[in-house]
Amino acid sequence: MNKTHFIDSNGNPAGGTTSGRGFAISWQNGPLDANGERLPPNGAFVEDIINAAKDRLEFYQESKFCCDYNAEAIKHLESAINVLNSRTANREKRGVEGTHEV
């Protein structure tokens, strides 16, 4: 796997790339909030990639490759998605979603 992660002058995540056999990801660079205005995403979020992996395993589950291992992996990916959605909801509630505020 090849990876390059960038930080801005304040030490905040600032995009980057991750690639490997058969995939290339360009990560979101910067916050989505600019002075109270919501900006469109310019890269992938961790949730996007987890959802892609989950989708692929669900595809396998609809084929002759259906198995308990895939089902278990799907459960764990769903758990990760739920935790990250809870984080987002918490950040929205605190009014810091889309910013670099902690």
PDB file of N, CA and C in Angstrom:
ATOM      1  N   MET A   1       0.855  -1.171   0.000  1.00  0.00           N
ATOM      2  CA  MET A   1       0.000   0.000   0.000  1.00  0.00           C
ATOM      3  C   MET A   1       0.900   1.232   0.000  1.00  0.00           C
ATOM      4  N   ASN A   2       0.496   2.235  -0.769  1.00  0.00           N
ATOM      5  CA  ASN A   2       1.187   3.521  -0.808  1.00  0.00           C
ATOM      6  C   ASN A   2       0.287   4.558  -0.167  1.00  0.00           C
ATOM      7  N   LYS A   3       0.872   5.392   0.673  1.00  0.00           N
ATOM      8  CA  LYS A   3       0.049   6.389   1.343  1.00  0.00           C
ATOM      9  C   LYS A   3       0.850   7.673   1.524  1.00  0.00           C
ATOM     10  N   THR A   4       0.135   8.768   1.393  1.00  0.00           N
ATOM     11  CA  THR A   4       0.679  10.089   1.649  1.00  0.00           C
ATOM     12  C   THR A   4      -0.409  10.874   2.351  1.00  0.00           C
ATOM     13  N   HIS A   5      -0.147  11.292   3.573  1.00  0.00           N
ATOM     14  CA  HIS A   5      -1.103  12.064   4.343  1.00  0.00           C
ATOM     15  C   HIS A   5      -0.497  13.430   4.615  1.00  0.00           C
ATOM     16  N   PHE A   6      -1.280  14.472   4.368  1.00  0.00           N
ATOM     17  CA  PHE A   6      -0.792  15.831   4.531  1.00  0.00           C
ATOM     18  C   PHE A   6      -1.446  16.494   5.739  1.00  0.00           C
ATOM     19  N   ILE A   7      -0.747  17.466   6.307  1.00  0.00           N
ATOM     20  CA  ILE A   7      -1.311  18.309   7.351  1.00  0.00           C
ATOM     21  C   ILE A   7      -1.115  19.764   6.936  1.00  0.00           C
ATOM     22  N   ASP A   8      -2.015  20.618   7.422  1.00  0.00           N
ATOM     23  CA  ASP A   8      -1.879  22.044   7.120  1.00  0.00           C
ATOM     24  C   ASP A   8      -0.938  22.697   8.138  1.00  0.00           C
ATOM     25  N   SER A   9      -0.785  23.991   8.040  1.00  0.00           N
ATOM     26  CA  SER A   9       0.145  24.716   8.912  1.00  0.00           C
ATOM     27  C   SER A   9      -0.270  24.688  10.380  1.00  0.00           C
ATOM     28  N   ASN A  10      -1.526  24.305  10.653  1.00  0.00           N
ATOM     29  CA  ASN A  10      -2.022  24.203  12.026  1.00  0.00           C
ATOM     30  C   ASN A  10      -2.005  22.768  12.551  1.00  0.00           C
ATOM     31  N   GLY A  11      -1.477  21.840  11.753  1.00  0.00           N
ATOM     32  CA  GLY A  11      -1.422  20.442  12.170  1.00  0.00           C
ATOM     33  C   GLY A  11      -2.699  19.662  11.922  1.00  0.00           C
ATOM     34  N   ASN A  12      -3.619  20.216  11.120  1.00  0.00           N
ATOM     35  CA  ASN A  12      -4.883  19.547  10.806  1.00  0.00           C
ATOM     36  C   ASN A  12      -4.744  18.674   9.561  1.00  0.00           C
ATOM     37  N   PRO A  13      -5.520  17.580   9.479  1.00  0.00           N
ATOM     38  CA  PRO A  13      -5.501  16.768   8.266  1.00  0.00           C
ATOM     39  C   PRO A  13      -5.810  17.635   7.038  1.00  0.00           C
ATOM     40  N   ALA A  14      -5.045  17.420   5.978  1.00  0.00           N
ATOM     41  CA  ALA A  14      -5.215  18.228   4.771  1.00  0.00           C
ATOM     42  C   ALA A  14      -5.144  17.357   3.522  1.00  0.00           C
ATOM     43  N   GLY A  15      -5.909  16.295   3.504  1.00  0.00           N
ATOM     44  CA  GLY A  15      -5.960  15.447   2.323  1.00  0.00           C
ATOM     45  C   GLY A  15      -4.804  14.483   2.249  1.00  0.00           C
ATOM     46  N   GLY A  16      -4.647  13.932   1.064  1.00  0.00           N
ATOM     47  CA  GLY A  16      -3.618  12.943   0.817  1.00  0.00           C
ATOM     48  C   GLY A  16      -4.167  11.865  -0.086  1.00  0.00           C
ATOM     49  N   THR A  17      -3.397  10.824  -0.248  1.00  0.00           N
ATOM     50  CA  THR A  17      -3.814   9.719  -1.097  1.00  0.00           C
ATOM     51  C   THR A  17      -3.419   8.397  -0.456  1.00  0.00           C
ATOM     52  N   THR A  18      -4.179   7.383  -0.770  1.00  0.00           N
ATOM     53  CA  THR A  18      -3.853   6.016  -0.391  1.00  0.00           C
ATOM     54  C   THR A  18      -4.167   5.153  -1.600  1.00  0.00           C
ATOM     55  N   SER A  19      -3.237   4.304  -1.976  1.00  0.00           N
ATOM     56  CA  SER A  19      -3.475   3.436  -3.127  1.00  0.00           C
ATOM     57  C   SER A  19      -2.838   2.076  -2.878  1.00  0.00           C
ATOM     58  N   GLY A  20      -3.322   1.132  -3.603  1.00  0.00           N
ATOM     59  CA  GLY A  20      -2.813  -0.231  -3.516  1.00  0.00           C
ATOM     60  C   GLY A  20      -3.286  -0.994  -4.731  1.00  0.00           C
ATOM     61  N   ARG A  21      -3.107  -2.286  -4.707  1.00  0.00           N
ATOM     62  CA  ARG A  21      -3.507  -3.106  -5.838  1.00  0.00           C
ATOM     63  C   ARG A  21      -4.994  -2.920  -6.128  1.00  0.00           C
ATOM     64  N   GLY A  22      -5.313  -2.269  -7.233  1.00  0.00           N
ATOM     65  CA  GLY A  22      -6.695  -2.122  -7.678  1.00  0.00           C
ATOM     66  C   GLY A  22      -7.466  -0.963  -7.090  1.00  0.00           C
ATOM     67  N   PHE A  23      -6.828  -0.106  -6.293  1.00  0.00           N
ATOM     68  CA  PHE A  23      -7.584   1.026  -5.752  1.00  0.00           C
ATOM     69  C   PHE A  23      -6.696   2.267  -5.597  1.00  0.00           C
ATOM     70  N   ALA A  24      -7.348   3.420  -5.668  1.00  0.00           N
ATOM     71  CA  ALA A  24      -6.677   4.703  -5.431  1.00  0.00           C
ATOM     72  C   ALA A  24      -7.687   5.633  -4.776  1.00  0.00           C
ATOM     73  N   ILE A  25      -7.329   6.173  -3.627  1.00  0.00           N
ATOM     74  CA  ILE A  25      -8.223   7.058  -2.874  1.00  0.00           C
ATOM     75  C   ILE A  25      -7.569   8.425  -2.763  1.00  0.00           C
ATOM     76  N   SER A  26      -8.348   9.454  -3.053  1.00  0.00           N
ATOM     77  CA  SER A  26      -7.933  10.831  -2.803  1.00  0.00           C
ATOM     78  C   SER A  26      -8.789  11.318  -1.638  1.00  0.00           C
ATOM     79  N   TRP A  27      -8.146  11.598  -0.500  1.00  0.00           N
ATOM     80  CA  TRP A  27      -8.869  11.950   0.714  1.00  0.00           C
ATOM     81  C   TRP A  27      -9.335  13.399   0.704  1.00  0.00           C
ATOM     82  N   GLN A  28     -10.406  13.666   1.440  1.00  0.00           N
ATOM     83  CA  GLN A  28     -10.918  15.025   1.610  1.00  0.00           C
ATOM     84  C   GLN A  28      -9.789  15.936   2.074  1.00  0.00           C
ATOM     85  N   ASN A  29      -9.692  17.082   1.421  1.00  0.00           N
ATOM     86  CA  ASN A  29      -8.670  18.063   1.789  1.00  0.00           C
ATOM     87  C   ASN A  29      -9.356  19.285   2.375  1.00  0.00           C
ATOM     88  N   GLY A  30      -9.232  19.444   3.686  1.00  0.00           N
ATOM     89  CA  GLY A  30      -9.770  20.614   4.358  1.00  0.00           C
ATOM     90  C   GLY A  30     -11.183  20.419   4.869  1.00  0.00           C
ATOM     91  N   PRO A  31     -11.618  21.371   5.688  1.00  0.00           N
ATOM     92  CA  PRO A  31     -12.970  21.300   6.250  1.00  0.00           C
ATOM     93  C   PRO A  31     -14.028  21.638   5.210  1.00  0.00           C
ATOM     94  N   LEU A  32     -15.265  21.264   5.505  1.00  0.00           N
ATOM     95  CA  LEU A  32     -16.385  21.537   4.602  1.00  0.00           C
ATOM     96  C   LEU A  32     -17.096  22.843   4.922  1.00  0.00           C
ATOM     97  N   ASP A  33     -16.697  23.485   5.987  1.00  0.00           N
ATOM     98  CA  ASP A  33     -17.325  24.743   6.382  1.00  0.00           C
ATOM     99  C   ASP A  33     -16.323  25.883   6.171  1.00  0.00           C
ATOM    100  N   ALA A  34     -16.726  26.857   5.380  1.00  0.00           N
ATOM    101  CA  ALA A  34     -15.888  28.036   5.157  1.00  0.00           C
ATOM    102  C   ALA A  34     -16.699  29.270   5.540  1.00  0.00           C
ATOM    103  N   ASN A  35     -16.411  29.800   6.715  1.00  0.00           N
ATOM    104  CA  ASN A  35     -17.112  30.992   7.194  1.00  0.00           C
ATOM    105  C   ASN A  35     -18.629  30.821   7.205  1.00  0.00           C
ATOM    106  N   GLY A  36     -19.075  29.664   7.662  1.00  0.00           N
ATOM    107  CA  GLY A  36     -20.509  29.399   7.758  1.00  0.00           C
ATOM    108  C   GLY A  36     -21.148  28.887   6.485  1.00  0.00           C
ATOM    109  N   GLU A  37     -20.395  28.780   5.416  1.00  0.00           N
ATOM    110  CA  GLU A  37     -20.929  28.274   4.146  1.00  0.00           C
ATOM    111  C   GLU A  37     -20.423  26.849   3.925  1.00  0.00           C
ATOM    112  N   ARG A  38     -21.346  25.939   3.609  1.00  0.00           N
ATOM    113  CA  ARG A  38     -20.995  24.533   3.396  1.00  0.00           C
ATOM    114  C   ARG A  38     -20.386  24.366   2.010  1.00  0.00           C
ATOM    115  N   LEU A  39     -19.188  23.808   1.956  1.00  0.00           N
ATOM    116  CA  LEU A  39     -18.499  23.558   0.695  1.00  0.00           C
ATOM    117  C   LEU A  39     -18.746  22.124   0.237  1.00  0.00           C
ATOM    118  N   PRO A  40     -18.687  21.869  -1.067  1.00  0.00           N
ATOM    119  CA  PRO A  40     -18.815  20.486  -1.526  1.00  0.00           C
ATOM    120  C   PRO A  40     -17.545  19.702  -1.201  1.00  0.00           C
ATOM    121  N   PRO A  41     -17.661  18.414  -0.930  1.00  0.00           N
ATOM    122  CA  PRO A  41     -16.478  17.594  -0.675  1.00  0.00           C
ATOM    123  C   PRO A  41     -15.554  17.595  -1.901  1.00  0.00           C
ATOM    124  N   ASN A  42     -14.253  17.489  -1.650  1.00  0.00           N
ATOM    125  CA  ASN A  42     -13.297  17.400  -2.744  1.00  0.00           C
ATOM    126  C   ASN A  42     -12.528  16.083  -2.727  1.00  0.00           C
ATOM    127  N   GLY A  43     -12.928  15.191  -1.848  1.00  0.00           N
ATOM    128  CA  GLY A  43     -12.270  13.894  -1.748  1.00  0.00           C
ATOM    129  C   GLY A  43     -13.095  12.938  -0.910  1.00  0.00           C
ATOM    130  N   ALA A  44     -12.550  11.753  -0.738  1.00  0.00           N
ATOM    131  CA  ALA A  44     -13.250  10.683  -0.014  1.00  0.00           C
ATOM    132  C   ALA A  44     -13.130  10.861   1.497  1.00  0.00           C
ATOM    133  N   PHE A  45     -14.131  10.369   2.198  1.00  0.00           N
ATOM    134  CA  PHE A  45     -14.131  10.282   3.652  1.00  0.00           C
ATOM    135  C   PHE A  45     -13.982   8.807   4.032  1.00  0.00           C
ATOM    136  N   VAL A  46     -13.527   8.541   5.230  1.00  0.00           N
ATOM    137  CA  VAL A  46     -13.374   7.165   5.697  1.00  0.00           C
ATOM    138  C   VAL A  46     -14.694   6.409   5.538  1.00  0.00           C
ATOM    139  N   GLU A  47     -15.810   7.067   5.851  1.00  0.00           N
ATOM    140  CA  GLU A  47     -17.122   6.427   5.737  1.00  0.00           C
ATOM    141  C   GLU A  47     -17.396   5.955   4.307  1.00  0.00           C
ATOM    142  N   ASP A  48     -16.964   6.722   3.322  1.00  0.00           N
ATOM    143  CA  ASP A  48     -17.163   6.334   1.915  1.00  0.00           C
ATOM    144  C   ASP A  48     -16.475   5.008   1.612  1.00  0.00           C
ATOM    145  N   ILE A  49     -15.270   4.864   2.100  1.00  0.00           N
ATOM    146  CA  ILE A  49     -14.481   3.669   1.806  1.00  0.00           C
ATOM    147  C   ILE A  49     -15.039   2.458   2.556  1.00  0.00           C
ATOM    148  N   ILE A  50     -15.449   2.658   3.797  1.00  0.00           N
ATOM    149  CA  ILE A  50     -16.067   1.560   4.544  1.00  0.00           C
ATOM    150  C   ILE A  50     -17.342   1.111   3.831  1.00  0.00           C
ATOM    151  N   ASN A  51     -18.156   2.062   3.383  1.00  0.00           N
ATOM    152  CA  ASN A  51     -19.385   1.707   2.653  1.00  0.00           C
ATOM    153  C   ASN A  51     -19.082   0.957   1.364  1.00  0.00           C
ATOM    154  N   ALA A  52     -18.002   1.305   0.676  1.00  0.00           N
ATOM    155  CA  ALA A  52     -17.626   0.602  -0.556  1.00  0.00           C
ATOM    156  C   ALA A  52     -17.241  -0.843  -0.248  1.00  0.00           C
ATOM    157  N   ALA A  53     -16.467  -1.052   0.823  1.00  0.00           N
ATOM    158  CA  ALA A  53     -16.080  -2.408   1.204  1.00  0.00           C
ATOM    159  C   ALA A  53     -17.301  -3.226   1.617  1.00  0.00           C
ATOM    160  N   LYS A  54     -18.198  -2.616   2.362  1.00  0.00           N
ATOM    161  CA  LYS A  54     -19.435  -3.291   2.782  1.00  0.00           C
ATOM    162  C   LYS A  54     -20.269  -3.677   1.565  1.00  0.00           C
ATOM    163  N   ASP A  55     -20.379  -2.776   0.604  1.00  0.00           N
ATOM    164  CA  ASP A  55     -21.133  -3.047  -0.614  1.00  0.00           C
ATOM    165  C   ASP A  55     -20.555  -4.254  -1.363  1.00  0.00           C
ATOM    166  N   ARG A  56     -19.231  -4.328  -1.424  1.00  0.00           N
ATOM    167  CA  ARG A  56     -18.595  -5.442  -2.131  1.00  0.00           C
ATOM    168  C   ARG A  56     -18.875  -6.760  -1.421  1.00  0.00           C
ATOM    169  N   LEU A  57     -18.776  -6.765  -0.096  1.00  0.00           N
ATOM    170  CA  LEU A  57     -19.070  -7.996   0.643  1.00  0.00           C
ATOM    171  C   LEU A  57     -20.535  -8.402   0.494  1.00  0.00           C
ATOM    172  N   GLU A  58     -21.439  -7.427   0.455  1.00  0.00           N
ATOM    173  CA  GLU A  58     -22.856  -7.739   0.235  1.00  0.00           C
ATOM    174  C   GLU A  58     -23.062  -8.344  -1.151  1.00  0.00           C
ATOM    175  N   PHE A  59     -22.307  -7.870  -2.120  1.00  0.00           N
ATOM    176  CA  PHE A  59     -22.342  -8.455  -3.466  1.00  0.00           C
ATOM    177  C   PHE A  59     -21.912  -9.924  -3.411  1.00  0.00           C
ATOM    178  N   TYR A  60     -20.833 -10.211  -2.671  1.00  0.00           N
ATOM    179  CA  TYR A  60     -20.396 -11.599  -2.509  1.00  0.00           C
ATOM    180  C   TYR A  60     -21.479 -12.440  -1.853  1.00  0.00           C
ATOM    181  N   GLN A  61     -22.182 -11.856  -0.892  1.00  0.00           N
ATOM    182  CA  GLN A  61     -23.216 -12.583  -0.169  1.00  0.00           C
ATOM    183  C   GLN A  61     -24.393 -12.971  -1.062  1.00  0.00           C
ATOM    184  N   GLU A  62     -24.514 -12.321  -2.198  1.00  0.00           N
ATOM    185  CA  GLU A  62     -25.569 -12.654  -3.163  1.00  0.00           C
ATOM    186  C   GLU A  62     -25.074 -13.636  -4.215  1.00  0.00           C
ATOM    187  N   SER A  63     -23.916 -14.229  -3.986  1.00  0.00           N
ATOM    188  CA  SER A  63     -23.317 -15.139  -4.963  1.00  0.00           C
ATOM    189  C   SER A  63     -22.968 -16.473  -4.298  1.00  0.00           C
ATOM    190  N   LYS A  64     -22.283 -17.309  -5.053  1.00  0.00           N
ATOM    191  CA  LYS A  64     -21.853 -18.593  -4.493  1.00  0.00           C
ATOM    192  C   LYS A  64     -20.787 -18.423  -3.412  1.00  0.00           C
ATOM    193  N   PHE A  65     -20.281 -17.207  -3.237  1.00  0.00           N
ATOM    194  CA  PHE A  65     -19.273 -16.935  -2.223  1.00  0.00           C
ATOM    195  C   PHE A  65     -19.875 -16.485  -0.887  1.00  0.00           C
ATOM    196  N   CYS A  66     -21.189 -16.613  -0.753  1.00  0.00           N
ATOM    197  CA  CYS A  66     -21.879 -16.289   0.493  1.00  0.00           C
ATOM    198  C   CYS A  66     -21.319 -17.174   1.614  1.00  0.00           C
ATOM    199  N   CYS A  67     -20.963 -16.535   2.739  1.00  0.00           N
ATOM    200  CA  CYS A  67     -20.443 -17.318   3.860  1.00  0.00           C
ATOM    201  C   CYS A  67     -20.563 -16.530   5.167  1.00  0.00           C
ATOM    202  N   ASP A  68     -20.379 -17.246   6.258  1.00  0.00           N
ATOM    203  CA  ASP A  68     -20.457 -16.625   7.574  1.00  0.00           C
ATOM    204  C   ASP A  68     -19.361 -15.590   7.790  1.00  0.00           C
ATOM    205  N   TYR A  69     -18.203 -15.797   7.191  1.00  0.00           N
ATOM    206  CA  TYR A  69     -17.106 -14.840   7.353  1.00  0.00           C
ATOM    207  C   TYR A  69     -17.473 -13.473   6.768  1.00  0.00           C
ATOM    208  N   ASN A  70     -18.055 -13.492   5.572  1.00  0.00           N
ATOM    209  CA  ASN A  70     -18.489 -12.233   4.961  1.00  0.00           C
ATOM    210  C   ASN A  70     -19.564 -11.567   5.814  1.00  0.00           C
ATOM    211  N   ALA A  71     -20.511 -12.354   6.304  1.00  0.00           N
ATOM    212  CA  ALA A  71     -21.588 -11.809   7.133  1.00  0.00           C
ATOM    213  C   ALA A  71     -21.011 -11.154   8.391  1.00  0.00           C
ATOM    214  N   GLU A  72     -20.023 -11.796   9.001  1.00  0.00           N
ATOM    215  CA  GLU A  72     -19.397 -11.239  10.200  1.00  0.00           C
ATOM    216  C   GLU A  72     -18.654  -9.944   9.867  1.00  0.00           C
ATOM    217  N   ALA A  73     -17.949  -9.936   8.753  1.00  0.00           N
ATOM    218  CA  ALA A  73     -17.229  -8.727   8.340  1.00  0.00           C
ATOM    219  C   ALA A  73     -18.207  -7.584   8.085  1.00  0.00           C
ATOM    220  N   ILE A  74     -19.334  -7.888   7.458  1.00  0.00           N
ATOM    221  CA  ILE A  74     -20.362  -6.865   7.204  1.00  0.00           C
ATOM    222  C   ILE A  74     -20.848  -6.273   8.526  1.00  0.00           C
ATOM    223  N   LYS A  75     -21.080  -7.114   9.521  1.00  0.00           N
ATOM    224  CA  LYS A  75     -21.515  -6.622  10.836  1.00  0.00           C
ATOM    225  C   LYS A  75     -20.504  -5.634  11.417  1.00  0.00           C
ATOM    226  N   HIS A  76     -19.226  -5.968  11.304  1.00  0.00           N
ATOM    227  CA  HIS A  76     -18.185  -5.087  11.850  1.00  0.00           C
ATOM    228  C   HIS A  76     -18.103  -3.777  11.071  1.00  0.00           C
ATOM    229  N   LEU A  77     -18.253  -3.840   9.758  1.00  0.00           N
ATOM    230  CA  LEU A  77     -18.245  -2.611   8.958  1.00  0.00           C
ATOM    231  C   LEU A  77     -19.453  -1.750   9.309  1.00  0.00           C
ATOM    232  N   GLU A  78     -20.627  -2.375   9.493  1.00  0.00           N
ATOM    233  CA  GLU A  78     -21.820  -1.627   9.904  1.00  0.00           C
ATOM    234  C   GLU A  78     -21.600  -0.966  11.261  1.00  0.00           C
ATOM    235  N   SER A  79     -20.931  -1.670  12.166  1.00  0.00           N
ATOM    236  CA  SER A  79     -20.626  -1.105  13.477  1.00  0.00           C
ATOM    237  C   SER A  79     -19.720   0.119  13.329  1.00  0.00           C
ATOM    238  N   ALA A  80     -18.718   0.017  12.492  1.00  0.00           N
ATOM    239  CA  ALA A  80     -17.816   1.151  12.260  1.00  0.00           C
ATOM    240  C   ALA A  80     -18.587   2.333  11.678  1.00  0.00           C
ATOM    241  N   ILE A  81     -19.467   2.077  10.730  1.00  0.00           N
ATOM    242  CA  ILE A  81     -20.281   3.145  10.130  1.00  0.00           C
ATOM    243  C   ILE A  81     -21.160   3.794  11.193  1.00  0.00           C
ATOM    244  N   ASN A  82     -21.772   2.992  12.049  1.00  0.00           N
ATOM    245  CA  ASN A  82     -22.627   3.533  13.109  1.00  0.00           C
ATOM    246  C   ASN A  82     -21.839   4.411  14.075  1.00  0.00           C
ATOM    247  N   VAL A  83     -20.643   3.979  14.447  1.00  0.00           N
ATOM    248  CA  VAL A  83     -19.814   4.775  15.361  1.00  0.00           C
ATOM    249  C   VAL A  83     -19.438   6.102  14.707  1.00  0.00           C
ATOM    250  N   LEU A  84     -19.042   6.069  13.442  1.00  0.00           N
ATOM    251  CA  LEU A  84     -18.662   7.306  12.753  1.00  0.00           C
ATOM    252  C   LEU A  84     -19.871   8.219  12.549  1.00  0.00           C
ATOM    253  N   ASN A  85     -21.056   7.643  12.302  1.00  0.00           N
ATOM    254  CA  ASN A  85     -22.270   8.461  12.201  1.00  0.00           C
ATOM    255  C   ASN A  85     -22.601   9.110  13.544  1.00  0.00           C
ATOM    256  N   SER A  86     -22.364   8.390  14.637  1.00  0.00           N
ATOM    257  CA  SER A  86     -22.578   8.964  15.968  1.00  0.00           C
ATOM    258  C   SER A  86     -21.619  10.122  16.219  1.00  0.00           C
ATOM    259  N   ARG A  87     -20.378   9.953  15.773  1.00  0.00           N
ATOM    260  CA  ARG A  87     -19.406  11.043  15.903  1.00  0.00           C
ATOM    261  C   ARG A  87     -19.887  12.277  15.150  1.00  0.00           C
ATOM    262  N   THR A  88     -20.369  12.077  13.926  1.00  0.00           N
ATOM    263  CA  THR A  88     -20.872  13.189  13.121  1.00  0.00           C
ATOM    264  C   THR A  88     -22.060  13.857  13.805  1.00  0.00           C
ATOM    265  N   ALA A  89     -22.997  13.055  14.307  1.00  0.00           N
ATOM    266  CA  ALA A  89     -24.171  13.612  14.989  1.00  0.00           C
ATOM    267  C   ALA A  89     -23.748  14.430  16.207  1.00  0.00           C
ATOM    268  N   ASN A  90     -22.773  13.942  16.942  1.00  0.00           N
ATOM    269  CA  ASN A  90     -22.273  14.666  18.106  1.00  0.00           C
ATOM    270  C   ASN A  90     -21.637  15.985  17.691  1.00  0.00           C
ATOM    271  N   ARG A  91     -20.864  15.968  16.617  1.00  0.00           N
ATOM    272  CA  ARG A  91     -20.220  17.198  16.133  1.00  0.00           C
ATOM    273  C   ARG A  91     -21.267  18.191  15.627  1.00  0.00           C
ATOM    274  N   GLU A  92     -22.319  17.680  14.968  1.00  0.00           N
ATOM    275  CA  GLU A  92     -23.404  18.568  14.512  1.00  0.00           C
ATOM    276  C   GLU A  92     -24.095  19.209  15.707  1.00  0.00           C
ATOM    277  N   LYS A  93     -24.365  18.414  16.729  1.00  0.00           N
ATOM    278  CA  LYS A  93     -25.034  18.916  17.933  1.00  0.00           C
ATOM    279  C   LYS A  93     -24.206  20.021  18.597  1.00  0.00           C
ATOM    280  N   ARG A  94     -22.879  19.869  18.573  1.00  0.00           N
ATOM    281  CA  ARG A  94     -21.995  20.863  19.190  1.00  0.00           C
ATOM    282  C   ARG A  94     -21.682  22.028  18.256  1.00  0.00           C
ATOM    283  N   GLY A  95     -22.162  21.947  17.007  1.00  0.00           N
ATOM    284  CA  GLY A  95     -21.947  23.031  16.050  1.00  0.00           C
ATOM    285  C   GLY A  95     -20.543  23.110  15.488  1.00  0.00           C
ATOM    286  N   VAL A  96     -19.831  21.976  15.484  1.00  0.00           N
ATOM    287  CA  VAL A  96     -18.458  21.983  14.959  1.00  0.00           C
ATOM    288  C   VAL A  96     -18.276  21.080  13.731  1.00  0.00           C
ATOM    289  N   GLU A  97     -19.344  20.448  13.282  1.00  0.00           N
ATOM    290  CA  GLU A  97     -19.237  19.569  12.110  1.00  0.00           C
ATOM    291  C   GLU A  97     -18.821  20.416  10.899  1.00  0.00           C
ATOM    292  N   GLY A  98     -17.903  19.855  10.116  1.00  0.00           N
ATOM    293  CA  GLY A  98     -17.431  20.552   8.928  1.00  0.00           C
ATOM    294  C   GLY A  98     -16.285  21.510   9.201  1.00  0.00           C
ATOM    295  N   THR A  99     -15.809  21.534  10.447  1.00  0.00           N
ATOM    296  CA  THR A  99     -14.704  22.427  10.812  1.00  0.00           C
ATOM    297  C   THR A  99     -13.567  21.586  11.390  1.00  0.00           C
ATOM    298  N   HIS A 100     -12.474  22.242  11.693  1.00  0.00           N
ATOM    299  CA  HIS A 100     -11.357  21.568  12.364  1.00  0.00           C
ATOM    300  C   HIS A 100     -11.450  21.676  13.880  1.00  0.00           C
ATOM    301  N   GLU A 101     -12.559  22.215  14.381  1.00  0.00           N
ATOM    302  CA  GLU A 101     -12.750  22.274  15.833  1.00  0.00           C
ATOM    303  C   GLU A 101     -12.855  20.865  16.395  1.00  0.00           C
ATOM    304  N   VAL A 102     -12.280  20.661  17.555  1.00  0.00           N
ATOM    305  CA  VAL A 102     -12.335  19.352  18.199  1.00  0.00           C
ATOM    306  C   VAL A 102     -13.479  19.358  19.119  1.00  0.00           C
TER     307      VAL A 102
END
